[in-house]
């Protein structure tokens, strides 16, 4: 499977390998290509469909693969808006374009959030390089 290396322009990461791209009042959330490395197929997504305001770290969905379950957490305090409808019938879009078209759900951030818990692309690269080294 060919994977796109395109990343969204305002992307920031969590140390748990989620990413968020906030564009105005909407944030798109997905899973990093690093976290998805080696996965060839997604069987399904289990949705927890949180209502109202959710805290950073709340499980919103789980990606089920043949070998593991990958939880997707809210990267910031936010309000859940819904799923990426393009995934309906094409879950492998998450694998094909993990940091762009393969976003999983979208949210409205609570007020202007402090990006302190989020990592810039450069700092995320440092994190994954150090985790590979150990």
Protein backbone atom coordinates (compact mmCIF):
# COMPACT_ATOMS: atom_id res chain seq x y z
CA UNK A 1 0.00 0.00 0.00
CA UNK A 2 1.33 3.41 -0.94
CA UNK A 3 1.30 5.93 1.91
CA UNK A 4 1.13 9.65 1.36
CA UNK A 5 3.76 11.68 3.20
CA UNK A 6 1.66 14.86 2.96
CA UNK A 7 0.94 16.51 6.31
CA UNK A 8 -1.64 19.16 7.10
CA UNK A 9 -0.21 22.70 7.39
CA UNK A 10 -1.00 23.47 11.06
CA UNK A 11 -0.41 19.98 12.41
CA UNK A 12 0.64 19.41 16.03
CA UNK A 13 1.12 16.08 17.79
CA UNK A 14 0.60 14.48 21.18
CA UNK A 15 3.18 12.20 22.76
CA UNK A 16 0.52 9.48 22.28
CA UNK A 17 0.79 9.87 18.45
CA UNK A 18 -2.49 11.66 17.76
CA UNK A 19 -2.34 14.83 15.70
CA UNK A 20 -4.60 17.84 15.40
CA UNK A 21 -4.81 20.52 12.73
CA UNK A 22 -6.78 23.50 14.03
CA UNK A 23 -8.20 25.69 11.28
CA UNK A 24 -10.21 28.53 12.79
CA UNK A 25 -12.87 27.02 15.06
CA UNK A 26 -12.47 23.42 13.82
CA UNK A 27 -9.77 20.88 14.61
CA UNK A 28 -9.20 17.73 12.56
CA UNK A 29 -7.78 14.78 14.54
CA UNK A 30 -5.92 11.73 13.28
CA UNK A 31 -3.14 9.26 14.06
CA UNK A 32 0.49 9.82 13.05
CA UNK A 33 2.06 7.88 10.23
CA UNK A 34 4.76 6.79 12.70
CA UNK A 35 2.15 5.10 14.95
CA UNK A 36 0.58 3.36 11.94
CA UNK A 37 3.87 2.03 10.57
CA UNK A 38 3.64 -1.67 9.77
CA UNK A 39 -0.16 -1.80 9.81
CA UNK A 40 -1.55 -3.12 6.53
CA UNK A 41 -5.27 -3.23 7.23
CA UNK A 42 -7.91 -1.64 9.44
CA UNK A 43 -10.82 -3.92 10.30
CA UNK A 44 -13.09 -1.32 11.89
CA UNK A 45 -13.37 1.72 14.12
CA UNK A 46 -15.20 1.55 17.42
CA UNK A 47 -16.74 4.93 18.24
CA UNK A 48 -17.35 6.15 21.76
CA UNK A 49 -19.26 9.24 20.47
CA UNK A 50 -18.67 11.55 23.40
CA UNK A 51 -21.34 14.17 23.96
CA UNK A 52 -20.73 17.77 24.96
CA UNK A 53 -17.38 18.96 26.25
CA UNK A 54 -14.61 16.37 26.46
CA UNK A 55 -11.31 16.61 28.27
CA UNK A 56 -7.91 16.11 26.74
CA UNK A 57 -7.10 12.39 26.92
CA UNK A 58 -10.72 11.16 26.55
CA UNK A 59 -10.97 8.11 24.28
CA UNK A 60 -13.05 9.12 21.26
CA UNK A 61 -12.49 6.07 19.04
CA UNK A 62 -10.44 2.90 18.67
CA UNK A 63 -8.89 1.67 15.44
CA UNK A 64 -9.09 -2.12 15.27
CA UNK A 65 -6.43 -3.87 13.18
CA UNK A 66 -5.80 -7.63 12.86
CA UNK A 67 -3.12 -7.43 15.58
CA UNK A 68 -3.92 -4.49 17.86
CA UNK A 69 -6.34 -1.83 19.02
CA UNK A 70 -5.19 1.77 18.76
CA UNK A 71 -7.09 4.22 21.00
CA UNK A 72 -7.53 7.74 19.64
CA UNK A 73 -7.69 10.33 22.39
CA UNK A 74 -8.89 13.91 22.30
CA UNK A 75 -5.63 15.89 21.99
CA UNK A 76 -7.09 19.04 23.61
CA UNK A 77 -10.17 20.03 25.63
CA UNK A 78 -12.87 20.29 22.96
CA UNK A 79 -16.37 19.54 21.77
CA UNK A 80 -16.71 16.48 19.53
CA UNK A 81 -18.36 17.33 16.20
CA UNK A 82 -18.31 14.07 14.25
CA UNK A 83 -16.49 11.49 12.17
CA UNK A 84 -14.72 11.80 8.85
CA UNK A 85 -17.49 10.65 6.48
CA UNK A 86 -14.88 9.80 3.80
CA UNK A 87 -13.87 6.83 5.96
CA UNK A 88 -17.26 5.18 5.43
CA UNK A 89 -16.44 2.16 3.30
CA UNK A 90 -12.74 3.12 3.06
CA UNK A 91 -11.10 2.79 6.48
CA UNK A 92 -7.72 2.28 4.86
CA UNK A 93 -7.75 5.97 3.91
CA UNK A 94 -6.32 6.36 7.44
CA UNK A 95 -3.33 4.27 6.33
CA UNK A 96 -3.04 5.76 2.84
CA UNK A 97 -3.08 9.41 3.96
CA UNK A 98 -2.52 9.29 7.74
CA UNK A 99 -1.63 12.95 8.30
CA UNK A 100 -4.00 14.54 5.78
CA UNK A 101 -7.17 13.03 4.23
CA UNK A 102 -7.17 10.13 6.72
CA UNK A 103 -8.21 12.28 9.68
CA UNK A 104 -10.59 10.37 11.94
CA UNK A 105 -12.85 12.94 13.63
CA UNK A 106 -13.28 16.67 14.06
CA UNK A 107 -13.78 18.91 17.07
CA UNK A 108 -14.21 22.50 18.18
CA UNK A 109 -11.39 23.47 20.56
CA UNK A 110 -12.49 25.04 23.83
CA UNK A 111 -11.47 28.70 23.70
CA UNK A 112 -8.03 29.41 22.35
CA UNK A 113 -6.17 26.45 23.73
CA UNK A 114 -2.65 26.53 25.03
CA UNK A 115 -0.56 24.36 22.73
CA UNK A 116 1.81 23.44 25.55
CA UNK A 117 0.78 19.76 25.67
CA UNK A 118 1.05 19.56 21.87
CA UNK A 119 4.31 19.03 20.00
CA UNK A 120 5.42 20.87 16.89
CA UNK A 121 6.32 18.59 13.96
CA UNK A 122 10.01 19.16 14.78
CA UNK A 123 9.60 18.24 18.46
CA UNK A 124 7.49 15.22 17.52
CA UNK A 125 10.30 14.02 15.24
CA UNK A 126 12.71 14.34 18.19
CA UNK A 127 10.30 12.33 20.38
CA UNK A 128 9.96 9.46 17.91
CA UNK A 129 13.71 9.44 17.20
CA UNK A 130 14.41 9.13 20.94
CA UNK A 131 11.77 6.38 21.35
CA UNK A 132 13.28 4.40 18.46
CA UNK A 133 16.75 4.78 20.01
CA UNK A 134 15.64 3.15 23.29
